[in-house]
Amino acid sequence: MSRKSDTPKNEQLVRRFFEQLWNGRKFELAEKLIAPDCRTHQLRSGADDSAVPRGPKEMKAHVEEWVRGFPDLKFTIEQIFSADDKVFAQTVMEATHTGTWLEIPPTNKRVSIRTMAVYRIERGKIAEDWVQVGSLGFFQQLGLIAPTFEVFSRAKERLSAVG
């Protein structure tokens, strides 16, 4: 566990993760920022919390995949604070979908994605994280899912027809 005096260093590490690895496209920094046995928890409503390995190699590939789909992506840290070995960051990523991403062809739509994450720092590297992404709004901005009011309207129609 990190000492209390490490919290500013831990916050600086997470800032470098966003500002240099993601925004600066310095993919080689993954080796310096991410622990080899790092695990990521993608938090989703209605799903069990399960971690997947995301060491430096996987993180580099993950960031590169996003940059291919959203070449102008940029993260802004809205809030960041830390306690002991954990750092909380609330961010917004803004980008334009001009490249293929997860086999989805470019929509040329501008998106704004909010995220919240807790990072556990061990020996000066991100060793684990718990990430919540505003996926519904993101997919709606891309036009992959209908706007929320339409989804609710259709659900009410279906439920009325059944009942």
N, C-alpha and C. Protein backbone atom coordinates (compact mmCIF):
# COMPACT_ATOMS: atom_id res chain seq x y z
N MET A 1 0.84 -1.19 0.00
CA MET A 1 0.00 0.00 0.00
C MET A 1 0.88 1.24 0.00
N SER A 2 0.46 2.25 -0.71
CA SER A 2 1.21 3.50 -0.77
C SER A 2 1.07 4.26 0.54
N ARG A 3 2.07 5.04 0.84
CA ARG A 3 2.02 5.91 2.01
C ARG A 3 1.19 7.14 1.68
N LYS A 4 0.67 7.81 2.72
CA LYS A 4 -0.11 9.03 2.55
C LYS A 4 0.66 10.06 1.72
N SER A 5 1.98 10.13 1.93
CA SER A 5 2.78 11.11 1.21
C SER A 5 2.89 10.80 -0.28
N ASP A 6 2.47 9.61 -0.70
CA ASP A 6 2.52 9.23 -2.11
C ASP A 6 1.32 9.73 -2.91
N THR A 7 0.29 10.25 -2.22
CA THR A 7 -0.93 10.60 -2.95
C THR A 7 -0.70 11.65 -4.03
N PRO A 8 0.12 12.72 -3.83
CA PRO A 8 0.36 13.63 -4.97
C PRO A 8 1.08 12.94 -6.13
N LYS A 9 2.01 12.04 -5.84
CA LYS A 9 2.70 11.29 -6.90
C LYS A 9 1.72 10.39 -7.63
N ASN A 10 0.80 9.78 -6.88
CA ASN A 10 -0.19 8.90 -7.50
C ASN A 10 -1.11 9.68 -8.43
N GLU A 11 -1.54 10.86 -8.00
CA GLU A 11 -2.38 11.70 -8.86
C GLU A 11 -1.60 12.12 -10.11
N GLN A 12 -0.33 12.45 -9.95
CA GLN A 12 0.50 12.84 -11.10
C GLN A 12 0.62 11.67 -12.09
N LEU A 13 0.73 10.45 -11.58
CA LEU A 13 0.79 9.26 -12.43
C LEU A 13 -0.48 9.14 -13.28
N VAL A 14 -1.63 9.33 -12.66
CA VAL A 14 -2.90 9.22 -13.39
C VAL A 14 -3.03 10.38 -14.39
N ARG A 15 -2.57 11.56 -14.00
CA ARG A 15 -2.56 12.68 -14.95
C ARG A 15 -1.70 12.35 -16.17
N ARG A 16 -0.53 11.76 -15.95
CA ARG A 16 0.34 11.37 -17.07
C ARG A 16 -0.36 10.35 -17.96
N PHE A 17 -1.09 9.41 -17.35
CA PHE A 17 -1.84 8.40 -18.08
C PHE A 17 -2.75 9.06 -19.11
N PHE A 18 -3.49 10.09 -18.69
CA PHE A 18 -4.41 10.77 -19.60
C PHE A 18 -3.69 11.76 -20.51
N GLU A 19 -2.88 12.62 -19.93
CA GLU A 19 -2.29 13.72 -20.69
C GLU A 19 -1.19 13.29 -21.64
N GLN A 20 -0.42 12.28 -21.28
CA GLN A 20 0.69 11.87 -22.15
C GLN A 20 0.39 10.61 -22.95
N LEU A 21 -0.12 9.56 -22.29
CA LEU A 21 -0.39 8.31 -23.02
C LEU A 21 -1.56 8.52 -23.98
N TRP A 22 -2.69 9.00 -23.47
CA TRP A 22 -3.88 9.18 -24.31
C TRP A 22 -3.76 10.43 -25.17
N ASN A 23 -3.70 11.60 -24.56
CA ASN A 23 -3.73 12.86 -25.33
C ASN A 23 -2.46 13.09 -26.11
N GLY A 24 -1.32 12.72 -25.54
CA GLY A 24 -0.03 12.95 -26.20
C GLY A 24 0.37 11.85 -27.16
N ARG A 25 -0.42 10.75 -27.17
CA ARG A 25 -0.15 9.61 -28.06
C ARG A 25 1.25 9.02 -27.83
N LYS A 26 1.75 9.11 -26.61
CA LYS A 26 3.05 8.52 -26.25
C LYS A 26 2.82 7.09 -25.77
N PHE A 27 2.52 6.22 -26.73
CA PHE A 27 2.12 4.85 -26.44
C PHE A 27 3.20 4.07 -25.67
N GLU A 28 4.46 4.44 -25.90
CA GLU A 28 5.57 3.75 -25.23
C GLU A 28 5.53 3.96 -23.71
N LEU A 29 4.81 4.97 -23.24
CA LEU A 29 4.71 5.22 -21.80
C LEU A 29 3.91 4.15 -21.07
N ALA A 30 3.17 3.34 -21.78
CA ALA A 30 2.40 2.27 -21.14
C ALA A 30 3.30 1.42 -20.25
N GLU A 31 4.51 1.15 -20.71
CA GLU A 31 5.46 0.34 -19.92
C GLU A 31 5.81 1.00 -18.58
N LYS A 32 5.85 2.33 -18.56
CA LYS A 32 6.22 3.06 -17.34
C LYS A 32 5.04 3.31 -16.42
N LEU A 33 3.84 3.35 -16.98
CA LEU A 33 2.66 3.73 -16.21
C LEU A 33 1.82 2.55 -15.74
N ILE A 34 1.86 1.44 -16.46
CA ILE A 34 0.97 0.31 -16.20
C ILE A 34 1.76 -0.88 -15.70
N ALA A 35 1.31 -1.48 -14.59
CA ALA A 35 1.96 -2.67 -14.04
C ALA A 35 1.75 -3.85 -14.99
N PRO A 36 2.73 -4.75 -15.06
CA PRO A 36 2.61 -5.90 -15.98
C PRO A 36 1.38 -6.77 -15.70
N ASP A 37 0.96 -6.83 -14.44
CA ASP A 37 -0.19 -7.67 -14.08
C ASP A 37 -1.44 -6.83 -13.78
N CYS A 38 -1.53 -5.65 -14.36
CA CYS A 38 -2.67 -4.75 -14.15
C CYS A 38 -3.97 -5.45 -14.55
N ARG A 39 -5.03 -5.15 -13.79
CA ARG A 39 -6.34 -5.71 -14.07
C ARG A 39 -7.35 -4.57 -14.15
N THR A 40 -8.25 -4.65 -15.14
CA THR A 40 -9.28 -3.64 -15.34
C THR A 40 -10.66 -4.24 -15.07
N HIS A 41 -11.44 -3.51 -14.31
CA HIS A 41 -12.85 -3.86 -14.04
C HIS A 41 -13.71 -2.88 -14.82
N GLN A 42 -14.38 -3.34 -15.86
CA GLN A 42 -15.33 -2.49 -16.60
C GLN A 42 -16.67 -2.64 -15.89
N LEU A 43 -17.06 -1.62 -15.14
CA LEU A 43 -18.28 -1.69 -14.35
C LEU A 43 -19.50 -1.44 -15.23
N ARG A 44 -20.42 -2.40 -15.20
CA ARG A 44 -21.64 -2.30 -16.00
C ARG A 44 -22.83 -2.67 -15.14
N SER A 45 -23.89 -1.90 -15.25
CA SER A 45 -25.10 -2.21 -14.51
C SER A 45 -25.65 -3.55 -14.97
N GLY A 46 -26.08 -4.35 -14.02
CA GLY A 46 -26.67 -5.65 -14.34
C GLY A 46 -25.66 -6.73 -14.66
N ALA A 47 -24.38 -6.46 -14.52
CA ALA A 47 -23.34 -7.45 -14.82
C ALA A 47 -22.42 -7.60 -13.60
N ASP A 48 -21.94 -8.81 -13.42
CA ASP A 48 -20.99 -9.04 -12.34
C ASP A 48 -19.71 -8.27 -12.60
N ASP A 49 -19.05 -7.89 -11.51
CA ASP A 49 -17.75 -7.23 -11.60
C ASP A 49 -16.71 -8.31 -11.88
N SER A 50 -16.14 -8.27 -13.05
CA SER A 50 -15.09 -9.23 -13.37
C SER A 50 -13.93 -8.46 -13.99
N ALA A 51 -12.75 -8.79 -13.52
CA ALA A 51 -11.55 -8.09 -13.99
C ALA A 51 -10.92 -8.84 -15.15
N VAL A 52 -10.33 -8.08 -16.07
CA VAL A 52 -9.59 -8.67 -17.17
C VAL A 52 -8.16 -8.12 -17.13
N PRO A 53 -7.20 -8.93 -17.55
CA PRO A 53 -5.82 -8.45 -17.57
C PRO A 53 -5.67 -7.31 -18.58
N ARG A 54 -4.97 -6.26 -18.18
CA ARG A 54 -4.69 -5.17 -19.10
C ARG A 54 -3.34 -4.57 -18.71
N GLY A 55 -2.29 -5.34 -19.03
CA GLY A 55 -0.93 -4.88 -18.78
C GLY A 55 -0.53 -3.84 -19.82
N PRO A 56 0.73 -3.45 -19.82
CA PRO A 56 1.20 -2.41 -20.75
C PRO A 56 0.91 -2.71 -22.22
N LYS A 57 1.13 -3.95 -22.64
CA LYS A 57 0.91 -4.32 -24.05
C LYS A 57 -0.57 -4.18 -24.42
N GLU A 58 -1.45 -4.68 -23.54
CA GLU A 58 -2.89 -4.60 -23.80
C GLU A 58 -3.38 -3.15 -23.74
N MET A 59 -2.82 -2.37 -22.80
CA MET A 59 -3.23 -0.97 -22.69
C MET A 59 -2.82 -0.18 -23.93
N LYS A 60 -1.61 -0.43 -24.40
CA LYS A 60 -1.13 0.24 -25.60
C LYS A 60 -2.06 -0.08 -26.78
N ALA A 61 -2.42 -1.35 -26.94
CA ALA A 61 -3.32 -1.76 -28.03
C ALA A 61 -4.70 -1.13 -27.86
N HIS A 62 -5.17 -1.04 -26.62
CA HIS A 62 -6.48 -0.44 -26.32
C HIS A 62 -6.50 1.04 -26.73
N VAL A 63 -5.49 1.78 -26.32
CA VAL A 63 -5.41 3.21 -26.63
C VAL A 63 -5.28 3.40 -28.15
N GLU A 64 -4.42 2.60 -28.79
CA GLU A 64 -4.24 2.72 -30.23
C GLU A 64 -5.54 2.45 -30.98
N GLU A 65 -6.33 1.47 -30.52
CA GLU A 65 -7.61 1.16 -31.16
C GLU A 65 -8.56 2.36 -31.07
N TRP A 66 -8.63 3.00 -29.91
CA TRP A 66 -9.47 4.18 -29.75
C TRP A 66 -8.97 5.31 -30.65
N VAL A 67 -7.68 5.52 -30.71
CA VAL A 67 -7.12 6.61 -31.52
C VAL A 67 -7.36 6.36 -33.01
N ARG A 68 -7.34 5.11 -33.45
CA ARG A 68 -7.66 4.81 -34.85
C ARG A 68 -9.10 5.21 -35.18
N GLY A 69 -10.01 4.93 -34.26
CA GLY A 69 -11.42 5.25 -34.49
C GLY A 69 -11.77 6.71 -34.26
N PHE A 70 -11.02 7.33 -33.34
CA PHE A 70 -11.28 8.71 -32.93
C PHE A 70 -9.95 9.46 -32.89
N PRO A 71 -9.38 9.78 -34.06
CA PRO A 71 -8.02 10.34 -34.11
C PRO A 71 -7.82 11.65 -33.36
N ASP A 72 -8.89 12.41 -33.18
CA ASP A 72 -8.74 13.70 -32.48
C ASP A 72 -9.15 13.61 -31.00
N LEU A 73 -9.27 12.41 -30.47
CA LEU A 73 -9.75 12.27 -29.10
C LEU A 73 -8.86 13.02 -28.11
N LYS A 74 -9.51 13.58 -27.11
CA LYS A 74 -8.80 14.30 -26.07
C LYS A 74 -9.56 14.14 -24.76
N PHE A 75 -8.84 13.73 -23.72
CA PHE A 75 -9.41 13.64 -22.38
C PHE A 75 -9.17 14.93 -21.62
N THR A 76 -10.16 15.34 -20.85
CA THR A 76 -10.03 16.43 -19.90
C THR A 76 -10.37 15.87 -18.53
N ILE A 77 -9.49 16.09 -17.59
CA ILE A 77 -9.74 15.65 -16.21
C ILE A 77 -10.58 16.72 -15.54
N GLU A 78 -11.77 16.35 -15.11
CA GLU A 78 -12.66 17.30 -14.45
C GLU A 78 -12.47 17.30 -12.94
N GLN A 79 -12.20 16.14 -12.37
CA GLN A 79 -11.93 16.00 -10.94
C GLN A 79 -10.89 14.91 -10.76
N ILE A 80 -10.01 15.12 -9.79
CA ILE A 80 -9.06 14.08 -9.43
C ILE A 80 -8.71 14.25 -7.97
N PHE A 81 -8.72 13.17 -7.24
CA PHE A 81 -8.28 13.20 -5.84
C PHE A 81 -7.85 11.80 -5.44
N SER A 82 -7.12 11.72 -4.34
CA SER A 82 -6.56 10.44 -3.95
C SER A 82 -6.58 10.25 -2.44
N ALA A 83 -6.51 9.00 -2.06
CA ALA A 83 -6.38 8.58 -0.66
C ALA A 83 -5.62 7.27 -0.66
N ASP A 84 -4.59 7.22 0.16
CA ASP A 84 -3.76 6.02 0.26
C ASP A 84 -3.27 5.61 -1.13
N ASP A 85 -3.59 4.38 -1.56
CA ASP A 85 -3.08 3.89 -2.84
C ASP A 85 -4.09 4.01 -3.97
N LYS A 86 -5.17 4.76 -3.76
CA LYS A 86 -6.22 4.90 -4.77
C LYS A 86 -6.31 6.34 -5.28
N VAL A 87 -6.60 6.47 -6.58
CA VAL A 87 -6.83 7.77 -7.21
C VAL A 87 -8.17 7.70 -7.93
N PHE A 88 -9.01 8.69 -7.68
CA PHE A 88 -10.29 8.82 -8.38
C PHE A 88 -10.14 9.88 -9.46
N ALA A 89 -10.62 9.59 -10.66
CA ALA A 89 -10.60 10.59 -11.74
C ALA A 89 -11.94 10.58 -12.46
N GLN A 90 -12.50 11.77 -12.60
CA GLN A 90 -13.69 11.97 -13.43
C GLN A 90 -13.21 12.70 -14.67
N THR A 91 -13.49 12.13 -15.83
CA THR A 91 -13.00 12.71 -17.07
C THR A 91 -14.12 12.84 -18.09
N VAL A 92 -13.81 13.61 -19.12
CA VAL A 92 -14.66 13.65 -20.30
C VAL A 92 -13.74 13.51 -21.50
N MET A 93 -14.11 12.63 -22.40
CA MET A 93 -13.36 12.46 -23.64
C MET A 93 -14.20 13.04 -24.76
N GLU A 94 -13.60 13.92 -25.55
CA GLU A 94 -14.29 14.49 -26.71
C GLU A 94 -13.53 14.06 -27.95
N ALA A 95 -14.29 13.67 -28.98
CA ALA A 95 -13.65 13.14 -30.18
C ALA A 95 -14.65 13.10 -31.32
N THR A 96 -14.11 12.87 -32.52
CA THR A 96 -14.93 12.69 -33.72
C THR A 96 -14.66 11.29 -34.26
N HIS A 97 -15.72 10.55 -34.52
CA HIS A 97 -15.61 9.16 -35.00
C HIS A 97 -15.35 9.16 -36.51
N THR A 98 -14.06 9.27 -36.89
CA THR A 98 -13.70 9.33 -38.31
C THR A 98 -12.96 8.09 -38.80
N GLY A 99 -12.75 7.13 -37.91
CA GLY A 99 -12.09 5.88 -38.30
C GLY A 99 -12.89 4.70 -37.80
N THR A 100 -12.59 3.51 -38.31
CA THR A 100 -13.28 2.31 -37.87
C THR A 100 -12.89 2.02 -36.43
N TRP A 101 -13.89 1.73 -35.61
CA TRP A 101 -13.68 1.42 -34.19
C TRP A 101 -14.56 0.22 -33.85
N LEU A 102 -13.93 -0.84 -33.34
CA LEU A 102 -14.64 -2.07 -33.01
C LEU A 102 -15.53 -2.54 -34.17
N GLU A 103 -14.98 -2.46 -35.37
CA GLU A 103 -15.65 -2.85 -36.60
C GLU A 103 -16.84 -1.97 -36.96
N ILE A 104 -16.99 -0.84 -36.28
CA ILE A 104 -18.05 0.12 -36.61
C ILE A 104 -17.46 1.16 -37.55
N PRO A 105 -17.99 1.26 -38.76
CA PRO A 105 -17.44 2.24 -39.71
C PRO A 105 -17.64 3.66 -39.20
N PRO A 106 -16.84 4.59 -39.68
CA PRO A 106 -16.94 5.98 -39.22
C PRO A 106 -18.34 6.56 -39.40
N THR A 107 -18.79 7.27 -38.38
CA THR A 107 -20.07 7.96 -38.44
C THR A 107 -19.86 9.46 -38.63
N ASN A 108 -18.61 9.90 -38.46
CA ASN A 108 -18.24 11.32 -38.52
C ASN A 108 -18.99 12.16 -37.49
N LYS A 109 -19.45 11.51 -36.43
CA LYS A 109 -20.17 12.23 -35.38
C LYS A 109 -19.21 12.61 -34.26
N ARG A 110 -19.44 13.78 -33.72
CA ARG A 110 -18.68 14.29 -32.58
C ARG A 110 -19.32 13.72 -31.32
N VAL A 111 -18.50 13.20 -30.41
CA VAL A 111 -19.01 12.60 -29.18
C VAL A 111 -18.32 13.20 -27.96
N SER A 112 -19.01 13.10 -26.86
CA SER A 112 -18.49 13.50 -25.56
C SER A 112 -18.83 12.37 -24.60
N ILE A 113 -17.81 11.73 -24.05
CA ILE A 113 -18.01 10.55 -23.20
C ILE A 113 -17.50 10.85 -21.80
N ARG A 114 -18.37 10.68 -20.83
CA ARG A 114 -17.99 10.87 -19.43
C ARG A 114 -17.56 9.54 -18.83
N THR A 115 -16.49 9.60 -18.04
CA THR A 115 -16.01 8.41 -17.35
C THR A 115 -15.67 8.75 -15.91
N MET A 116 -15.74 7.74 -15.08
CA MET A 116 -15.27 7.83 -13.71
C MET A 116 -14.49 6.55 -13.45
N ALA A 117 -13.36 6.70 -12.79
CA ALA A 117 -12.53 5.53 -12.53
C ALA A 117 -11.76 5.70 -11.23
N VAL A 118 -11.50 4.56 -10.62
CA VAL A 118 -10.63 4.49 -9.45
C VAL A 118 -9.42 3.66 -9.87
N TYR A 119 -8.25 4.20 -9.63
CA TYR A 119 -6.99 3.54 -9.98
C TYR A 119 -6.26 3.16 -8.71
N ARG A 120 -5.83 1.90 -8.63
CA ARG A 120 -5.00 1.47 -7.50
C ARG A 120 -3.55 1.51 -7.97
N ILE A 121 -2.73 2.21 -7.20
CA ILE A 121 -1.33 2.40 -7.56
C ILE A 121 -0.47 1.50 -6.67
N GLU A 122 0.45 0.81 -7.32
CA GLU A 122 1.38 -0.07 -6.59
C GLU A 122 2.76 0.08 -7.21
N ARG A 123 3.73 0.37 -6.37
CA ARG A 123 5.12 0.54 -6.81
C ARG A 123 5.23 1.52 -8.00
N GLY A 124 4.48 2.61 -7.93
CA GLY A 124 4.60 3.66 -8.93
C GLY A 124 3.93 3.40 -10.27
N LYS A 125 3.04 2.38 -10.31
CA LYS A 125 2.34 2.06 -11.56
C LYS A 125 0.87 1.77 -11.28
N ILE A 126 0.05 1.93 -12.30
CA ILE A 126 -1.37 1.56 -12.17
C ILE A 126 -1.43 0.04 -12.16
N ALA A 127 -1.94 -0.51 -11.04
CA ALA A 127 -1.98 -1.96 -10.87
C ALA A 127 -3.39 -2.52 -11.06
N GLU A 128 -4.39 -1.66 -10.93
CA GLU A 128 -5.78 -2.11 -11.06
C GLU A 128 -6.64 -0.88 -11.24
N ASP A 129 -7.75 -1.03 -11.99
CA ASP A 129 -8.69 0.08 -12.09
C ASP A 129 -10.11 -0.43 -12.21
N TRP A 130 -11.02 0.43 -11.77
CA TRP A 130 -12.45 0.19 -11.84
C TRP A 130 -13.02 1.34 -12.64
N VAL A 131 -13.59 1.05 -13.82
CA VAL A 131 -13.96 2.09 -14.77
C VAL A 131 -15.46 2.04 -15.06
N GLN A 132 -16.10 3.20 -14.99
CA GLN A 132 -17.51 3.35 -15.36
C GLN A 132 -17.57 4.35 -16.51
N VAL A 133 -18.09 3.91 -17.65
CA VAL A 133 -18.17 4.76 -18.84
C VAL A 133 -19.64 5.01 -19.15
N GLY A 134 -19.97 6.23 -19.54
CA GLY A 134 -21.33 6.56 -19.94
C GLY A 134 -21.64 5.98 -21.31
N SER A 135 -21.70 4.67 -21.39
CA SER A 135 -21.84 3.98 -22.68
C SER A 135 -23.15 4.27 -23.39
N LEU A 136 -24.26 4.33 -22.65
CA LEU A 136 -25.55 4.57 -23.30
C LEU A 136 -25.52 5.88 -24.08
N GLY A 137 -25.12 6.95 -23.42
CA GLY A 137 -25.05 8.25 -24.09
C GLY A 137 -24.07 8.25 -25.25
N PHE A 138 -22.95 7.55 -25.07
CA PHE A 138 -21.94 7.45 -26.13
C PHE A 138 -22.54 6.76 -27.36
N PHE A 139 -23.17 5.62 -27.16
CA PHE A 139 -23.75 4.88 -28.28
C PHE A 139 -24.90 5.66 -28.92
N GLN A 140 -25.63 6.43 -28.11
CA GLN A 140 -26.69 7.27 -28.69
C GLN A 140 -26.08 8.38 -29.54
N GLN A 141 -24.98 8.97 -29.09
CA GLN A 141 -24.34 10.02 -29.88
C GLN A 141 -23.84 9.49 -31.22
N LEU A 142 -23.40 8.24 -31.24
CA LEU A 142 -22.95 7.63 -32.50
C LEU A 142 -24.12 7.22 -33.39
N GLY A 143 -25.33 7.23 -32.85
CA GLY A 143 -26.50 6.82 -33.62
C GLY A 143 -26.72 5.31 -33.61
N LEU A 144 -26.05 4.59 -32.71
CA LEU A 144 -26.19 3.14 -32.63
C LEU A 144 -27.41 2.71 -31.83
N ILE A 145 -27.86 3.59 -30.94
CA ILE A 145 -29.02 3.33 -30.09
C ILE A 145 -29.92 4.56 -30.16
N ALA A 146 -31.22 4.33 -30.15
CA ALA A 146 -32.18 5.43 -30.20
C ALA A 146 -32.04 6.31 -28.96
N PRO A 147 -32.46 7.57 -29.07
CA PRO A 147 -32.46 8.45 -27.89
C PRO A 147 -33.31 7.85 -26.77
N THR A 148 -32.98 8.17 -25.54
CA THR A 148 -33.63 7.58 -24.37
C THR A 148 -35.15 7.72 -24.43
N PHE A 149 -35.67 8.89 -24.80
CA PHE A 149 -37.12 9.07 -24.83
C PHE A 149 -37.77 8.10 -25.81
N GLU A 150 -37.11 7.80 -26.93
CA GLU A 150 -37.66 6.84 -27.90
C GLU A 150 -37.64 5.43 -27.33
N VAL A 151 -36.56 5.08 -26.64
CA VAL A 151 -36.47 3.75 -26.03
C VAL A 151 -37.60 3.56 -25.02
N PHE A 152 -37.84 4.57 -24.17
CA PHE A 152 -38.91 4.47 -23.18
C PHE A 152 -40.28 4.43 -23.85
N SER A 153 -40.46 5.23 -24.89
CA SER A 153 -41.74 5.26 -25.59
C SER A 153 -42.05 3.88 -26.19
N ARG A 154 -41.07 3.28 -26.84
CA ARG A 154 -41.25 1.94 -27.43
C ARG A 154 -41.52 0.90 -26.35
N ALA A 155 -40.82 1.00 -25.22
CA ALA A 155 -41.01 0.05 -24.12
C ALA A 155 -42.43 0.17 -23.58
N LYS A 156 -42.91 1.42 -23.41
CA LYS A 156 -44.27 1.61 -22.90
C LYS A 156 -45.30 1.03 -23.88
N GLU A 157 -45.07 1.23 -25.18
CA GLU A 157 -45.98 0.68 -26.20
C GLU A 157 -46.02 -0.83 -26.12
N ARG A 158 -44.84 -1.46 -26.01
CA ARG A 158 -44.78 -2.93 -25.93
C ARG A 158 -45.47 -3.45 -24.68
N LEU A 159 -45.21 -2.77 -23.56
CA LEU A 159 -45.81 -3.22 -22.30
C LEU A 159 -47.33 -3.01 -22.32
N SER A 160 -47.80 -1.95 -22.94
CA SER A 160 -49.24 -1.71 -23.04
C SER A 160 -49.90 -2.77 -23.90
N ALA A 161 -49.24 -3.18 -24.98
CA ALA A 161 -49.78 -4.21 -25.88
C ALA A 161 -49.86 -5.57 -25.19
N VAL A 162 -48.92 -5.84 -24.29
CA VAL A 162 -48.89 -7.12 -23.58
C VAL A 162 -49.95 -7.14 -22.49
N GLY A 163 -50.10 -6.00 -21.79
CA GLY A 163 -50.98 -5.94 -20.62
C GLY A 163 -52.35 -5.62 -20.99
